[in-house]
Amino acid sequence: MQSTINLFVILFFSISAFAGGPEETARHVAAGLNTGNAGAVASHFNTMVDLSLPGSEETYSKTQAGRVLKEFFSQNRVKSFKISKQGSSADGSMYCIGTLTTEKWVTVSIF
C-alpha cells in the first residue's frame, strides 16, 4: 500500500544558463526524476538548493543536495514523474510542479 506525503524539491536555475531553454531543461530534470537519476537532476541545481524529503528539510549546497537526492532514490525506487505545471519567476528562475511516485510514496514535487 502506498502512503501520500509531500516531497518538496525546490530547484532554481537560471533559464539563460542552458542553451536549450526552459522547456528543454524541464524535460531533462523530469527525465532524471522519472528514472531516479540524481546526477541528472543535480546537474541543473543552483548553488544552493532547498530540499525537503521525508524526515529531512534543509538547504544544501549543490553537491550535498545531489548526494541527499541520490540516497533518497537508492531507498525509494522511482516508478514515475509527471509535470503538471511549470513557469518562471520574476527573477528568471524556472519552476515545475509534478507528481513523483516511488514504490513507497506518492508525492508532490516542486522544482
PDB file of N, CA and C in Angstrom:
ATOM      1  N   MET A   1       0.844  -1.185   0.000  1.00  0.00           N
ATOM      2  CA  MET A   1       0.000   0.000   0.000  1.00  0.00           C
ATOM      3  C   MET A   1       0.883   1.239   0.000  1.00  0.00           C
ATOM      4  N   GLN A   2       0.535   2.216  -0.793  1.00  0.00           N
ATOM      5  CA  GLN A   2       1.303   3.441  -0.873  1.00  0.00           C
ATOM      6  C   GLN A   2       0.721   4.481   0.066  1.00  0.00           C
ATOM      7  N   SER A   3       1.596   5.253   0.669  1.00  0.00           N
ATOM      8  CA  SER A   3       1.188   6.379   1.501  1.00  0.00           C
ATOM      9  C   SER A   3       1.372   7.657   0.700  1.00  0.00           C
ATOM     10  N   THR A   4       0.718   8.718   1.128  1.00  0.00           N
ATOM     11  CA  THR A   4       0.888  10.000   0.471  1.00  0.00           C
ATOM     12  C   THR A   4       1.619  10.939   1.413  1.00  0.00           C
ATOM     13  N   ILE A   5       2.683  11.541   0.920  1.00  0.00           N
ATOM     14  CA  ILE A   5       3.449  12.531   1.672  1.00  0.00           C
ATOM     15  C   ILE A   5       3.802  13.659   0.725  1.00  0.00           C
ATOM     16  N   ASN A   6       4.282  14.720   1.283  1.00  0.00           N
ATOM     17  CA  ASN A   6       4.782  15.806   0.448  1.00  0.00           C
ATOM     18  C   ASN A   6       6.284  15.682   0.323  1.00  0.00           C
ATOM     19  N   LEU A   7       6.759  15.750  -0.877  1.00  0.00           N
ATOM     20  CA  LEU A   7       8.184  15.757  -1.172  1.00  0.00           C
ATOM     21  C   LEU A   7       8.434  17.040  -1.933  1.00  0.00           C
ATOM     22  N   PHE A   8       9.158  17.948  -1.343  1.00  0.00           N
ATOM     23  CA  PHE A   8       9.420  19.221  -1.998  1.00  0.00           C
ATOM     24  C   PHE A   8      10.881  19.270  -2.424  1.00  0.00           C
ATOM     25  N   VAL A   9      11.088  19.399  -3.686  1.00  0.00           N
ATOM     26  CA  VAL A   9      12.421  19.570  -4.232  1.00  0.00           C
ATOM     27  C   VAL A   9      12.378  20.906  -4.953  1.00  0.00           C
ATOM     28  N   ILE A  10      12.991  21.885  -4.370  1.00  0.00           N
ATOM     29  CA  ILE A  10      12.934  23.215  -4.952  1.00  0.00           C
ATOM     30  C   ILE A  10      14.267  23.466  -5.652  1.00  0.00           C
ATOM     31  N   LEU A  11      14.213  23.487  -6.939  1.00  0.00           N
ATOM     32  CA  LEU A  11      15.405  23.619  -7.750  1.00  0.00           C
ATOM     33  C   LEU A  11      15.277  24.900  -8.563  1.00  0.00           C
ATOM     34  N   PHE A  12      16.095  25.831  -8.268  1.00  0.00           N
ATOM     35  CA  PHE A  12      16.069  27.070  -9.035  1.00  0.00           C
ATOM     36  C   PHE A  12      17.324  27.147  -9.890  1.00  0.00           C
ATOM     37  N   PHE A  13      17.134  27.457 -11.129  1.00  0.00           N
ATOM     38  CA  PHE A  13      18.262  27.592 -12.024  1.00  0.00           C
ATOM     39  C   PHE A  13      17.934  28.675 -13.026  1.00  0.00           C
ATOM     40  N   SER A  14      18.961  29.293 -13.517  1.00  0.00           N
ATOM     41  CA  SER A  14      18.776  30.380 -14.458  1.00  0.00           C
ATOM     42  C   SER A  14      18.385  29.833 -15.824  1.00  0.00           C
ATOM     43  N   ILE A  15      17.307  30.320 -16.361  1.00  0.00           N
ATOM     44  CA  ILE A  15      16.839  29.880 -17.673  1.00  0.00           C
ATOM     45  C   ILE A  15      17.898  30.137 -18.737  1.00  0.00           C
ATOM     46  N   SER A  16      18.572  31.254 -18.637  1.00  0.00           N
ATOM     47  CA  SER A  16      19.562  31.591 -19.660  1.00  0.00           C
ATOM     48  C   SER A  16      20.813  30.744 -19.575  1.00  0.00           C
ATOM     49  N   ALA A  17      20.996  29.995 -18.502  1.00  0.00           N
ATOM     50  CA  ALA A  17      22.210  29.205 -18.329  1.00  0.00           C
ATOM     51  C   ALA A  17      22.217  27.953 -19.198  1.00  0.00           C
ATOM     52  N   PHE A  18      21.080  27.579 -19.767  1.00  0.00           N
ATOM     53  CA  PHE A  18      21.008  26.360 -20.536  1.00  0.00           C
ATOM     54  C   PHE A  18      20.603  26.675 -21.960  1.00  0.00           C
ATOM     55  N   ALA A  19      21.416  26.221 -22.890  1.00  0.00           N
ATOM     56  CA  ALA A  19      21.239  26.573 -24.291  1.00  0.00           C
ATOM     57  C   ALA A  19      19.880  26.163 -24.848  1.00  0.00           C
ATOM     58  N   GLY A  20      19.330  25.059 -24.363  1.00  0.00           N
ATOM     59  CA  GLY A  20      18.070  24.566 -24.904  1.00  0.00           C
ATOM     60  C   GLY A  20      16.857  25.320 -24.410  1.00  0.00           C
ATOM     61  N   GLY A  21      17.012  26.184 -23.450  1.00  0.00           N
ATOM     62  CA  GLY A  21      15.899  26.942 -22.921  1.00  0.00           C
ATOM     63  C   GLY A  21      15.169  26.212 -21.815  1.00  0.00           C
ATOM     64  N   PRO A  22      14.173  26.873 -21.245  1.00  0.00           N
ATOM     65  CA  PRO A  22      13.496  26.334 -20.072  1.00  0.00           C
ATOM     66  C   PRO A  22      12.725  25.040 -20.332  1.00  0.00           C
ATOM     67  N   GLU A  23      12.112  24.898 -21.487  1.00  0.00           N
ATOM     68  CA  GLU A  23      11.349  23.691 -21.759  1.00  0.00           C
ATOM     69  C   GLU A  23      12.254  22.473 -21.838  1.00  0.00           C
ATOM     70  N   GLU A  24      13.404  22.640 -22.505  1.00  0.00           N
ATOM     71  CA  GLU A  24      14.353  21.528 -22.611  1.00  0.00           C
ATOM     72  C   GLU A  24      14.940  21.189 -21.247  1.00  0.00           C
ATOM     73  N   THR A  25      15.237  22.209 -20.463  1.00  0.00           N
ATOM     74  CA  THR A  25      15.759  21.980 -19.118  1.00  0.00           C
ATOM     75  C   THR A  25      14.741  21.225 -18.280  1.00  0.00           C
ATOM     76  N   ALA A  26      13.476  21.631 -18.345  1.00  0.00           N
ATOM     77  CA  ALA A  26      12.416  20.941 -17.601  1.00  0.00           C
ATOM     78  C   ALA A  26      12.322  19.487 -18.035  1.00  0.00           C
ATOM     79  N   ARG A  27      12.453  19.228 -19.333  1.00  0.00           N
ATOM     80  CA  ARG A  27      12.413  17.842 -19.824  1.00  0.00           C
ATOM     81  C   ARG A  27      13.573  17.027 -19.268  1.00  0.00           C
ATOM     82  N   HIS A  28      14.769  17.632 -19.200  1.00  0.00           N
ATOM     83  CA  HIS A  28      15.940  16.925 -18.674  1.00  0.00           C
ATOM     84  C   HIS A  28      15.757  16.603 -17.188  1.00  0.00           C
ATOM     85  N   VAL A  29      15.281  17.587 -16.427  1.00  0.00           N
ATOM     86  CA  VAL A  29      15.067  17.382 -14.997  1.00  0.00           C
ATOM     87  C   VAL A  29      13.969  16.345 -14.782  1.00  0.00           C
ATOM     88  N   ALA A  30      12.887  16.444 -15.526  1.00  0.00           N
ATOM     89  CA  ALA A  30      11.793  15.475 -15.397  1.00  0.00           C
ATOM     90  C   ALA A  30      12.265  14.067 -15.762  1.00  0.00           C
ATOM     91  N   ALA A  31      13.083  13.951 -16.789  1.00  0.00           N
ATOM     92  CA  ALA A  31      13.614  12.638 -17.177  1.00  0.00           C
ATOM     93  C   ALA A  31      14.484  12.073 -16.059  1.00  0.00           C
ATOM     94  N   GLY A  32      15.295  12.928 -15.435  1.00  0.00           N
ATOM     95  CA  GLY A  32      16.115  12.481 -14.310  1.00  0.00           C
ATOM     96  C   GLY A  32      15.275  12.028 -13.132  1.00  0.00           C
ATOM     97  N   LEU A  33      14.215  12.783 -12.824  1.00  0.00           N
ATOM     98  CA  LEU A  33      13.312  12.394 -11.744  1.00  0.00           C
ATOM     99  C   LEU A  33      12.568  11.109 -12.105  1.00  0.00           C
ATOM    100  N   ASN A  34      12.160  10.987 -13.344  1.00  0.00           N
ATOM    101  CA  ASN A  34      11.393   9.819 -13.787  1.00  0.00           C
ATOM    102  C   ASN A  34      12.198   8.529 -13.677  1.00  0.00           C
ATOM    103  N   THR A  35      13.505   8.624 -13.837  1.00  0.00           N
ATOM    104  CA  THR A  35      14.361   7.433 -13.780  1.00  0.00           C
ATOM    105  C   THR A  35      15.114   7.314 -12.461  1.00  0.00           C
ATOM    106  N   GLY A  36      14.915   8.266 -11.553  1.00  0.00           N
ATOM    107  CA  GLY A  36      15.627   8.228 -10.283  1.00  0.00           C
ATOM    108  C   GLY A  36      17.104   8.524 -10.446  1.00  0.00           C
ATOM    109  N   ASN A  37      17.462   9.331 -11.427  1.00  0.00           N
ATOM    110  CA  ASN A  37      18.856   9.672 -11.707  1.00  0.00           C
ATOM    111  C   ASN A  37      19.193  10.996 -11.023  1.00  0.00           C
ATOM    112  N   ALA A  38      19.707  10.902  -9.802  1.00  0.00           N
ATOM    113  CA  ALA A  38      20.016  12.098  -9.016  1.00  0.00           C
ATOM    114  C   ALA A  38      21.049  12.977  -9.709  1.00  0.00           C
ATOM    115  N   GLY A  39      22.023  12.384 -10.374  1.00  0.00           N
ATOM    116  CA  GLY A  39      23.051  13.156 -11.060  1.00  0.00           C
ATOM    117  C   GLY A  39      22.477  14.025 -12.168  1.00  0.00           C
ATOM    118  N   ALA A  40      21.527  13.470 -12.921  1.00  0.00           N
ATOM    119  CA  ALA A  40      20.893  14.234 -13.997  1.00  0.00           C
ATOM    120  C   ALA A  40      20.087  15.400 -13.441  1.00  0.00           C
ATOM    121  N   VAL A  41      19.427  15.182 -12.320  1.00  0.00           N
ATOM    122  CA  VAL A  41      18.655  16.257 -11.687  1.00  0.00           C
ATOM    123  C   VAL A  41      19.602  17.292 -11.100  1.00  0.00           C
ATOM    124  N   ALA A  42      20.593  16.833 -10.350  1.00  0.00           N
ATOM    125  CA  ALA A  42      21.518  17.731  -9.650  1.00  0.00           C
ATOM    126  C   ALA A  42      22.341  18.588 -10.601  1.00  0.00           C
ATOM    127  N   SER A  43      22.521  18.132 -11.822  1.00  0.00           N
ATOM    128  CA  SER A  43      23.311  18.929 -12.775  1.00  0.00           C
ATOM    129  C   SER A  43      22.623  20.258 -13.090  1.00  0.00           C
ATOM    130  N   HIS A  44      21.343  20.372 -12.767  1.00  0.00           N
ATOM    131  CA  HIS A  44      20.590  21.602 -13.019  1.00  0.00           C
ATOM    132  C   HIS A  44      20.347  22.421 -11.749  1.00  0.00           C
ATOM    133  N   PHE A  45      20.866  21.960 -10.620  1.00  0.00           N
ATOM    134  CA  PHE A  45      20.716  22.705  -9.369  1.00  0.00           C
ATOM    135  C   PHE A  45      21.466  24.016  -9.426  1.00  0.00           C
ATOM    136  N   ASN A  46      20.946  24.994  -8.699  1.00  0.00           N
ATOM    137  CA  ASN A  46      21.657  26.239  -8.471  1.00  0.00           C
ATOM    138  C   ASN A  46      22.711  25.970  -7.393  1.00  0.00           C
ATOM    139  N   THR A  47      23.446  26.976  -6.984  1.00  0.00           N
ATOM    140  CA  THR A  47      24.490  26.824  -5.977  1.00  0.00           C
ATOM    141  C   THR A  47      23.938  26.302  -4.658  1.00  0.00           C
ATOM    142  N   MET A  48      22.776  26.791  -4.242  1.00  0.00           N
ATOM    143  CA  MET A  48      22.113  26.336  -3.022  1.00  0.00           C
ATOM    144  C   MET A  48      20.733  25.803  -3.393  1.00  0.00           C
ATOM    145  N   VAL A  49      20.303  24.747  -2.683  1.00  0.00           N
ATOM    146  CA  VAL A  49      19.057  24.062  -3.004  1.00  0.00           C
ATOM    147  C   VAL A  49      18.273  23.805  -1.723  1.00  0.00           C
ATOM    148  N   ASP A  50      16.986  24.173  -1.714  1.00  0.00           N
ATOM    149  CA  ASP A  50      16.090  23.800  -0.628  1.00  0.00           C
ATOM    150  C   ASP A  50      15.522  22.436  -0.977  1.00  0.00           C
ATOM    151  N   LEU A  51      15.742  21.474  -0.094  1.00  0.00           N
ATOM    152  CA  LEU A  51      15.321  20.105  -0.368  1.00  0.00           C
ATOM    153  C   LEU A  51      14.595  19.562   0.850  1.00  0.00           C
ATOM    154  N   SER A  52      13.366  19.158   0.651  1.00  0.00           N
ATOM    155  CA  SER A  52      12.567  18.603   1.733  1.00  0.00           C
ATOM    156  C   SER A  52      12.113  17.207   1.340  1.00  0.00           C
ATOM    157  N   LEU A  53      12.635  16.223   2.038  1.00  0.00           N
ATOM    158  CA  LEU A  53      12.296  14.824   1.805  1.00  0.00           C
ATOM    159  C   LEU A  53      11.741  14.256   3.099  1.00  0.00           C
ATOM    160  N   PRO A  54      11.130  13.092   3.059  1.00  0.00           N
ATOM    161  CA  PRO A  54      10.628  12.511   4.304  1.00  0.00           C
ATOM    162  C   PRO A  54      11.724  12.452   5.374  1.00  0.00           C
ATOM    163  N   GLY A  55      11.481  13.115   6.492  1.00  0.00           N
ATOM    164  CA  GLY A  55      12.436  13.116   7.594  1.00  0.00           C
ATOM    165  C   GLY A  55      13.568  14.107   7.471  1.00  0.00           C
ATOM    166  N   SER A  56      13.577  14.930   6.443  1.00  0.00           N
ATOM    167  CA  SER A  56      14.682  15.860   6.233  1.00  0.00           C
ATOM    168  C   SER A  56      14.200  17.084   5.471  1.00  0.00           C
ATOM    169  N   GLU A  57      14.493  18.252   6.012  1.00  0.00           N
ATOM    170  CA  GLU A  57      14.182  19.505   5.314  1.00  0.00           C
ATOM    171  C   GLU A  57      15.322  20.467   5.576  1.00  0.00           C
ATOM    172  N   GLU A  58      16.110  20.723   4.546  1.00  0.00           N
ATOM    173  CA  GLU A  58      17.318  21.523   4.709  1.00  0.00           C
ATOM    174  C   GLU A  58      17.603  22.339   3.451  1.00  0.00           C
ATOM    175  N   THR A  59      18.505  23.282   3.609  1.00  0.00           N
ATOM    176  CA  THR A  59      19.104  23.978   2.473  1.00  0.00           C
ATOM    177  C   THR A  59      20.508  23.413   2.330  1.00  0.00           C
ATOM    178  N   TYR A  60      20.816  22.934   1.131  1.00  0.00           N
ATOM    179  CA  TYR A  60      22.085  22.261   0.873  1.00  0.00           C
ATOM    180  C   TYR A  60      22.846  22.966  -0.242  1.00  0.00           C
ATOM    181  N   SER A  61      24.148  22.730  -0.274  1.00  0.00           N
ATOM    182  CA  SER A  61      24.921  23.120  -1.443  1.00  0.00           C
ATOM    183  C   SER A  61      24.509  22.190  -2.583  1.00  0.00           C
ATOM    184  N   LYS A  62      24.857  22.559  -3.792  1.00  0.00           N
ATOM    185  CA  LYS A  62      24.524  21.758  -4.972  1.00  0.00           C
ATOM    186  C   LYS A  62      25.016  20.320  -4.808  1.00  0.00           C
ATOM    187  N   THR A  63      26.258  20.159  -4.356  1.00  0.00           N
ATOM    188  CA  THR A  63      26.855  18.831  -4.187  1.00  0.00           C
ATOM    189  C   THR A  63      26.145  18.033  -3.107  1.00  0.00           C
ATOM    190  N   GLN A  64      25.903  18.673  -1.955  1.00  0.00           N
ATOM    191  CA  GLN A  64      25.220  17.989  -0.859  1.00  0.00           C
ATOM    192  C   GLN A  64      23.811  17.556  -1.269  1.00  0.00           C
ATOM    193  N   ALA A  65      23.081  18.438  -1.929  1.00  0.00           N
ATOM    194  CA  ALA A  65      21.715  18.122  -2.349  1.00  0.00           C
ATOM    195  C   ALA A  65      21.704  16.937  -3.312  1.00  0.00           C
ATOM    196  N   GLY A  66      22.677  16.889  -4.195  1.00  0.00           N
ATOM    197  CA  GLY A  66      22.785  15.753  -5.117  1.00  0.00           C
ATOM    198  C   GLY A  66      22.987  14.446  -4.368  1.00  0.00           C
ATOM    199  N   ARG A  67      23.822  14.476  -3.324  1.00  0.00           N
ATOM    200  CA  ARG A  67      24.053  13.263  -2.517  1.00  0.00           C
ATOM    201  C   ARG A  67      22.794  12.848  -1.760  1.00  0.00           C
ATOM    202  N   VAL A  68      22.097  13.828  -1.183  1.00  0.00           N
ATOM    203  CA  VAL A  68      20.869  13.534  -0.434  1.00  0.00           C
ATOM    204  C   VAL A  68      19.813  12.946  -1.377  1.00  0.00           C
ATOM    205  N   LEU A  69      19.665  13.534  -2.551  1.00  0.00           N
ATOM    206  CA  LEU A  69      18.698  13.031  -3.521  1.00  0.00           C
ATOM    207  C   LEU A  69      19.079  11.625  -3.987  1.00  0.00           C
ATOM    208  N   LYS A  70      20.361  11.406  -4.199  1.00  0.00           N
ATOM    209  CA  LYS A  70      20.836  10.070  -4.599  1.00  0.00           C
ATOM    210  C   LYS A  70      20.500   9.041  -3.524  1.00  0.00           C
ATOM    211  N   GLU A  71      20.714   9.385  -2.276  1.00  0.00           N
ATOM    212  CA  GLU A  71      20.388   8.490  -1.171  1.00  0.00           C
ATOM    213  C   GLU A  71      18.884   8.216  -1.126  1.00  0.00           C
ATOM    214  N   PHE A  72      18.074   9.266  -1.321  1.00  0.00           N
ATOM    215  CA  PHE A  72      16.626   9.089  -1.341  1.00  0.00           C
ATOM    216  C   PHE A  72      16.221   8.117  -2.448  1.00  0.00           C
ATOM    217  N   PHE A  73      16.776   8.306  -3.649  1.00  0.00           N
ATOM    218  CA  PHE A  73      16.438   7.429  -4.772  1.00  0.00           C
ATOM    219  C   PHE A  73      16.920   6.001  -4.528  1.00  0.00           C
ATOM    220  N   SER A  74      18.030   5.827  -3.818  1.00  0.00           N
ATOM    221  CA  SER A  74      18.522   4.468  -3.549  1.00  0.00           C
ATOM    222  C   SER A  74      17.596   3.721  -2.597  1.00  0.00           C
ATOM    223  N   GLN A  75      16.874   4.458  -1.763  1.00  0.00           N
ATOM    224  CA  GLN A  75      15.958   3.841  -0.802  1.00  0.00           C
ATOM    225  C   GLN A  75      14.501   3.849  -1.282  1.00  0.00           C
ATOM    226  N   ASN A  76      14.224   4.598  -2.339  1.00  0.00           N
ATOM    227  CA  ASN A  76      12.855   4.759  -2.841  1.00  0.00           C
ATOM    228  C   ASN A  76      12.867   4.662  -4.359  1.00  0.00           C
ATOM    229  N   ARG A  77      12.716   3.471  -4.870  1.00  0.00           N
ATOM    230  CA  ARG A  77      12.762   3.269  -6.317  1.00  0.00           C
ATOM    231  C   ARG A  77      11.624   4.041  -6.993  1.00  0.00           C
ATOM    232  N   VAL A  78      12.000   4.869  -7.961  1.00  0.00           N
ATOM    233  CA  VAL A  78      11.037   5.723  -8.661  1.00  0.00           C
ATOM    234  C   VAL A  78      10.234   4.896  -9.659  1.00  0.00           C
ATOM    235  N   LYS A  79       8.923   5.118  -9.622  1.00  0.00           N
ATOM    236  CA  LYS A  79       8.041   4.492 -10.601  1.00  0.00           C
ATOM    237  C   LYS A  79       7.716   5.456 -11.727  1.00  0.00           C
ATOM    238  N   SER A  80       7.509   6.751 -11.386  1.00  0.00           N
ATOM    239  CA  SER A  80       7.197   7.724 -12.436  1.00  0.00           C
ATOM    240  C   SER A  80       7.291   9.148 -11.894  1.00  0.00           C
ATOM    241  N   PHE A  81       7.425  10.086 -12.820  1.00  0.00           N
ATOM    242  CA  PHE A  81       7.332  11.510 -12.522  1.00  0.00           C
ATOM    243  C   PHE A  81       6.615  12.168 -13.679  1.00  0.00           C
ATOM    244  N   LYS A  82       5.650  13.017 -13.352  1.00  0.00           N
ATOM    245  CA  LYS A  82       4.891  13.722 -14.396  1.00  0.00           C
ATOM    246  C   LYS A  82       4.719  15.185 -14.005  1.00  0.00           C
ATOM    247  N   ILE A  83       5.124  16.091 -14.896  1.00  0.00           N
ATOM    248  CA  ILE A  83       4.960  17.531 -14.676  1.00  0.00           C
ATOM    249  C   ILE A  83       3.493  17.890 -14.851  1.00  0.00           C
ATOM    250  N   SER A  84       2.966  18.679 -13.895  1.00  0.00           N
ATOM    251  CA  SER A  84       1.587  19.152 -14.025  1.00  0.00           C
ATOM    252  C   SER A  84       1.510  20.653 -14.302  1.00  0.00           C
ATOM    253  N   LYS A  85       2.548  21.389 -13.945  1.00  0.00           N
ATOM    254  CA  LYS A  85       2.568  22.838 -14.178  1.00  0.00           C
ATOM    255  C   LYS A  85       4.012  23.317 -14.192  1.00  0.00           C
ATOM    256  N   GLN A  86       4.304  24.320 -15.007  1.00  0.00           N
ATOM    257  CA  GLN A  86       5.635  24.925 -14.999  1.00  0.00           C
ATOM    258  C   GLN A  86       5.544  26.385 -15.384  1.00  0.00           C
ATOM    259  N   GLY A  87       6.560  27.141 -14.998  1.00  0.00           N
ATOM    260  CA  GLY A  87       6.594  28.562 -15.302  1.00  0.00           C
ATOM    261  C   GLY A  87       7.914  29.160 -14.857  1.00  0.00           C
ATOM    262  N   SER A  88       7.977  30.482 -14.825  1.00  0.00           N
ATOM    263  CA  SER A  88       9.184  31.146 -14.361  1.00  0.00           C
ATOM    264  C   SER A  88       8.824  32.289 -13.435  1.00  0.00           C
ATOM    265  N   SER A  89       9.739  32.554 -12.516  1.00  0.00           N
ATOM    266  CA  SER A  89       9.537  33.622 -11.545  1.00  0.00           C
ATOM    267  C   SER A  89      10.066  34.940 -12.105  1.00  0.00           C
ATOM    268  N   ALA A  90       9.829  36.001 -11.383  1.00  0.00           N
ATOM    269  CA  ALA A  90      10.254  37.334 -11.830  1.00  0.00           C
ATOM    270  C   ALA A  90      11.766  37.448 -11.974  1.00  0.00           C
ATOM    271  N   ASP A  91      12.522  36.666 -11.190  1.00  0.00           N
ATOM    272  CA  ASP A  91      13.985  36.760 -11.271  1.00  0.00           C
ATOM    273  C   ASP A  91      14.579  35.866 -12.358  1.00  0.00           C
ATOM    274  N   GLY A  92      13.727  35.197 -13.140  1.00  0.00           N
ATOM    275  CA  GLY A  92      14.210  34.348 -14.225  1.00  0.00           C
ATOM    276  C   GLY A  92      14.400  32.905 -13.839  1.00  0.00           C
ATOM    277  N   SER A  93      14.155  32.551 -12.573  1.00  0.00           N
ATOM    278  CA  SER A  93      14.246  31.162 -12.157  1.00  0.00           C
ATOM    279  C   SER A  93      13.044  30.399 -12.683  1.00  0.00           C
ATOM    280  N   MET A  94      13.266  29.146 -12.991  1.00  0.00           N
ATOM    281  CA  MET A  94      12.206  28.307 -13.511  1.00  0.00           C
ATOM    282  C   MET A  94      11.689  27.393 -12.411  1.00  0.00           C
ATOM    283  N   TYR A  95      10.400  27.051 -12.474  1.00  0.00           N
ATOM    284  CA  TYR A  95       9.861  26.075 -11.540  1.00  0.00           C
ATOM    285  C   TYR A  95       8.932  25.130 -12.287  1.00  0.00           C
ATOM    286  N   CYS A  96       8.790  23.946 -11.744  1.00  0.00           N
ATOM    287  CA  CYS A  96       7.837  22.971 -12.242  1.00  0.00           C
ATOM    288  C   CYS A  96       7.178  22.317 -11.039  1.00  0.00           C
ATOM    289  N   ILE A  97       5.950  21.919 -11.206  1.00  0.00           N
ATOM    290  CA  ILE A  97       5.232  21.172 -10.183  1.00  0.00           C
ATOM    291  C   ILE A  97       4.795  19.872 -10.830  1.00  0.00           C
ATOM    292  N   GLY A  98       4.996  18.773 -10.129  1.00  0.00           N
ATOM    293  CA  GLY A  98       4.627  17.496 -10.692  1.00  0.00           C
ATOM    294  C   GLY A  98       4.414  16.460  -9.617  1.00  0.00           C
ATOM    295  N   THR A  99       4.130  15.247 -10.033  1.00  0.00           N
ATOM    296  CA  THR A  99       3.906  14.145  -9.107  1.00  0.00           C
ATOM    297  C   THR A  99       4.981  13.092  -9.310  1.00  0.00           C
ATOM    298  N   LEU A 100       5.666  12.770  -8.225  1.00  0.00           N
ATOM    299  CA  LEU A 100       6.683  11.726  -8.215  1.00  0.00           C
ATOM    300  C   LEU A 100       6.108  10.537  -7.461  1.00  0.00           C
ATOM    301  N   THR A 101       6.093   9.388  -8.098  1.00  0.00           N
ATOM    302  CA  THR A 101       5.606   8.173  -7.458  1.00  0.00           C
ATOM    303  C   THR A 101       6.771   7.205  -7.310  1.00  0.00           C
ATOM    304  N   THR A 102       6.991   6.741  -6.083  1.00  0.00           N
ATOM    305  CA  THR A 102       8.001   5.720  -5.828  1.00  0.00           C
ATOM    306  C   THR A 102       7.288   4.473  -5.334  1.00  0.00           C
ATOM    307  N   GLU A 103       8.052   3.408  -5.120  1.00  0.00           N
ATOM    308  CA  GLU A 103       7.442   2.184  -4.603  1.00  0.00           C
ATOM    309  C   GLU A 103       6.838   2.403  -3.221  1.00  0.00           C
ATOM    310  N   LYS A 104       7.383   3.353  -2.460  1.00  0.00           N
ATOM    311  CA  LYS A 104       6.904   3.612  -1.102  1.00  0.00           C
ATOM    312  C   LYS A 104       5.951   4.792  -1.023  1.00  0.00           C
ATOM    313  N   TRP A 105       6.118   5.793  -1.896  1.00  0.00           N
ATOM    314  CA  TRP A 105       5.407   7.055  -1.738  1.00  0.00           C
ATOM    315  C   TRP A 105       4.760   7.518  -3.026  1.00  0.00           C
ATOM    316  N   VAL A 106       3.641   8.186  -2.889  1.00  0.00           N
ATOM    317  CA  VAL A 106       3.082   9.013  -3.960  1.00  0.00           C
ATOM    318  C   VAL A 106       3.292  10.430  -3.440  1.00  0.00           C
ATOM    319  N   THR A 107       4.031  11.233  -4.158  1.00  0.00           N
ATOM    320  CA  THR A 107       4.465  12.503  -3.618  1.00  0.00           C
ATOM    321  C   THR A 107       4.233  13.660  -4.565  1.00  0.00           C
ATOM    322  N   VAL A 108       4.223  14.827  -4.024  1.00  0.00           N
ATOM    323  CA  VAL A 108       4.157  16.030  -4.833  1.00  0.00           C
ATOM    324  C   VAL A 108       5.543  16.653  -4.823  1.00  0.00           C
ATOM    325  N   SER A 109       6.082  16.915  -5.993  1.00  0.00           N
ATOM    326  CA  SER A 109       7.405  17.513  -6.103  1.00  0.00           C
ATOM    327  C   SER A 109       7.298  18.899  -6.666  1.00  0.00           C
ATOM    328  N   ILE A 110       8.049  19.796  -6.124  1.00  0.00           N
ATOM    329  CA  ILE A 110       8.159  21.150  -6.685  1.00  0.00           C
ATOM    330  C   ILE A 110       9.612  21.359  -6.980  1.00  0.00           C
ATOM    331  N   PHE A 111       9.913  21.743  -8.205  1.00  0.00           N
ATOM    332  CA  PHE A 111      11.302  22.053  -8.527  1.00  0.00           C
ATOM    333  C   PHE A 111      11.353  23.203  -9.481  1.00  0.00           C
TER     334      PHE A 111
END
